[in-house]
């Protein structure tokens, strides 16, 4: 997003990070990834993905909720990602 298009006082989405906690073979994870990649691509936010099957602590915390979406390390959503809600979270 161009600095000229940002509203004063609003955070720069390119300074934000969206994390997807997922597992292989999860169709909801695939759907969530598509939405997150579209939004982060449009806004310039960073994207990272963590595999719940490779991290015991993530598994303990989130195994019933995957896919889980975090924004800057804080839980934003689980199961489904609402595109407009994610866009709003990254721009406020």
C-alpha atoms as a PDB file:
ATOM      1  CA  UNK A   1       0.000   0.000   0.000  1.00  0.00           C
ATOM      2  CA  UNK A   2       1.395   3.364  -0.995  1.00  0.00           C
ATOM      3  CA  UNK A   3       2.274   5.656   1.934  1.00  0.00           C
ATOM      4  CA  UNK A   4       0.195   8.306   0.180  1.00  0.00           C
ATOM      5  CA  UNK A   5      -2.910   6.103   0.395  1.00  0.00           C
ATOM      6  CA  UNK A   6      -2.612   5.383   4.126  1.00  0.00           C
ATOM      7  CA  UNK A   7      -4.696   7.389   6.520  1.00  0.00           C
ATOM      8  CA  UNK A   8      -2.780   9.356   9.148  1.00  0.00           C
ATOM      9  CA  UNK A   9      -2.695   7.559  12.487  1.00  0.00           C
ATOM     10  CA  UNK A  10      -3.324   4.155  10.916  1.00  0.00           C
ATOM     11  CA  UNK A  11      -0.661   1.444  11.163  1.00  0.00           C
ATOM     12  CA  UNK A  12       1.285   0.476   8.081  1.00  0.00           C
ATOM     13  CA  UNK A  13       0.029  -2.983   7.033  1.00  0.00           C
ATOM     14  CA  UNK A  14       3.475  -3.773   5.635  1.00  0.00           C
ATOM     15  CA  UNK A  15       4.766  -3.743   9.220  1.00  0.00           C
ATOM     16  CA  UNK A  16       2.246  -6.426  10.250  1.00  0.00           C
ATOM     17  CA  UNK A  17       2.638 -10.218  10.170  1.00  0.00           C
ATOM     18  CA  UNK A  18      -0.090 -12.778   9.598  1.00  0.00           C
ATOM     19  CA  UNK A  19       0.673 -16.305  10.771  1.00  0.00           C
ATOM     20  CA  UNK A  20      -1.280 -19.346   9.656  1.00  0.00           C
ATOM     21  CA  UNK A  21      -1.109 -22.333  11.975  1.00  0.00           C
ATOM     22  CA  UNK A  22      -2.051 -25.313   9.842  1.00  0.00           C
ATOM     23  CA  UNK A  23      -1.375 -28.953   9.105  1.00  0.00           C
ATOM     24  CA  UNK A  24      -0.820 -30.904   5.902  1.00  0.00           C
ATOM     25  CA  UNK A  25      -3.917 -32.295   4.205  1.00  0.00           C
ATOM     26  CA  UNK A  26      -6.303 -29.818   5.863  1.00  0.00           C
ATOM     27  CA  UNK A  27      -8.786 -28.404   3.333  1.00  0.00           C
ATOM     28  CA  UNK A  28      -9.802 -25.572   5.687  1.00  0.00           C
ATOM     29  CA  UNK A  29      -6.115 -24.686   5.980  1.00  0.00           C
ATOM     30  CA  UNK A  30      -5.856 -24.534   2.186  1.00  0.00           C
ATOM     31  CA  UNK A  31      -8.853 -22.188   2.034  1.00  0.00           C
ATOM     32  CA  UNK A  32      -7.477 -20.007   4.827  1.00  0.00           C
ATOM     33  CA  UNK A  33      -4.077 -19.820   3.113  1.00  0.00           C
ATOM     34  CA  UNK A  34      -5.674 -18.569  -0.116  1.00  0.00           C
ATOM     35  CA  UNK A  35      -7.502 -15.756   1.691  1.00  0.00           C
ATOM     36  CA  UNK A  36      -4.466 -14.789   3.761  1.00  0.00           C
ATOM     37  CA  UNK A  37      -2.151 -14.748   0.740  1.00  0.00           C
ATOM     38  CA  UNK A  38      -4.596 -12.557  -1.174  1.00  0.00           C
ATOM     39  CA  UNK A  39      -4.949 -10.069   1.694  1.00  0.00           C
ATOM     40  CA  UNK A  40      -1.265  -9.939   2.640  1.00  0.00           C
ATOM     41  CA  UNK A  41      -0.337  -9.598  -1.022  1.00  0.00           C
ATOM     42  CA  UNK A  42      -2.734  -6.704  -1.509  1.00  0.00           C
ATOM     43  CA  UNK A  43      -1.689  -4.891   1.678  1.00  0.00           C
ATOM     44  CA  UNK A  44       2.002  -5.769   1.766  1.00  0.00           C
ATOM     45  CA  UNK A  45       1.820  -7.540   5.129  1.00  0.00           C
ATOM     46  CA  UNK A  46       4.179 -10.419   5.900  1.00  0.00           C
ATOM     47  CA  UNK A  47       2.929 -14.002   5.851  1.00  0.00           C
ATOM     48  CA  UNK A  48       4.307 -17.022   7.652  1.00  0.00           C
ATOM     49  CA  UNK A  49       2.981 -20.521   8.135  1.00  0.00           C
ATOM     50  CA  UNK A  50       3.618 -22.936  10.980  1.00  0.00           C
ATOM     51  CA  UNK A  51       2.911 -26.661  10.850  1.00  0.00           C
ATOM     52  CA  UNK A  52       1.080 -27.808  13.974  1.00  0.00           C
ATOM     53  CA  UNK A  53       2.398 -31.354  13.474  1.00  0.00           C
ATOM     54  CA  UNK A  54       5.986 -30.148  13.941  1.00  0.00           C
ATOM     55  CA  UNK A  55       5.529 -28.077  17.089  1.00  0.00           C
ATOM     56  CA  UNK A  56       4.301 -29.652  20.335  1.00  0.00           C
ATOM     57  CA  UNK A  57       3.379 -26.314  21.929  1.00  0.00           C
ATOM     58  CA  UNK A  58       1.308 -25.167  18.937  1.00  0.00           C
ATOM     59  CA  UNK A  59      -0.363 -28.575  18.899  1.00  0.00           C
ATOM     60  CA  UNK A  60      -1.223 -28.278  22.591  1.00  0.00           C
ATOM     61  CA  UNK A  61      -2.627 -24.771  22.180  1.00  0.00           C
ATOM     62  CA  UNK A  62      -4.502 -25.037  18.906  1.00  0.00           C
ATOM     63  CA  UNK A  63      -5.139 -28.667  17.867  1.00  0.00           C
ATOM     64  CA  UNK A  64      -8.940 -28.278  18.065  1.00  0.00           C
ATOM     65  CA  UNK A  65      -9.034 -24.945  16.247  1.00  0.00           C
ATOM     66  CA  UNK A  66      -6.887 -25.271  13.126  1.00  0.00           C
ATOM     67  CA  UNK A  67      -6.506 -23.472  10.940  1.00  0.00           C
ATOM     68  CA  UNK A  68      -5.684 -20.625  13.297  1.00  0.00           C
ATOM     69  CA  UNK A  69      -4.810 -17.136  12.105  1.00  0.00           C
ATOM     70  CA  UNK A  70      -2.616 -14.857  14.186  1.00  0.00           C
ATOM     71  CA  UNK A  71      -2.013 -11.167  13.526  1.00  0.00           C
ATOM     72  CA  UNK A  72       1.244  -9.978  15.052  1.00  0.00           C
ATOM     73  CA  UNK A  73       1.289 -13.040  17.294  1.00  0.00           C
ATOM     74  CA  UNK A  74      -2.238 -12.623  18.676  1.00  0.00           C
ATOM     75  CA  UNK A  75      -5.047 -14.973  17.764  1.00  0.00           C
ATOM     76  CA  UNK A  76      -7.318 -13.378  15.198  1.00  0.00           C
ATOM     77  CA  UNK A  77      -9.468 -16.244  13.900  1.00  0.00           C
ATOM     78  CA  UNK A  78      -9.844 -19.994  13.675  1.00  0.00           C
ATOM     79  CA  UNK A  79     -11.463 -22.482  11.271  1.00  0.00           C
ATOM     80  CA  UNK A  80     -12.373 -19.868   8.641  1.00  0.00           C
ATOM     81  CA  UNK A  81     -10.804 -16.557   7.644  1.00  0.00           C
ATOM     82  CA  UNK A  82     -13.137 -13.691   6.835  1.00  0.00           C
ATOM     83  CA  UNK A  83     -11.346 -11.587   4.226  1.00  0.00           C
ATOM     84  CA  UNK A  84     -12.873  -8.245   5.214  1.00  0.00           C
ATOM     85  CA  UNK A  85     -12.269  -8.860   8.914  1.00  0.00           C
ATOM     86  CA  UNK A  86      -8.610  -9.665   8.244  1.00  0.00           C
ATOM     87  CA  UNK A  87      -8.190  -6.578   6.034  1.00  0.00           C
ATOM     88  CA  UNK A  88      -9.713  -4.469   8.786  1.00  0.00           C
ATOM     89  CA  UNK A  89      -7.429  -5.958  11.442  1.00  0.00           C
ATOM     90  CA  UNK A  90      -4.355  -5.163   9.356  1.00  0.00           C
ATOM     91  CA  UNK A  91      -5.344  -1.564   8.708  1.00  0.00           C
ATOM     92  CA  UNK A  92      -6.558  -0.462  12.139  1.00  0.00           C
END
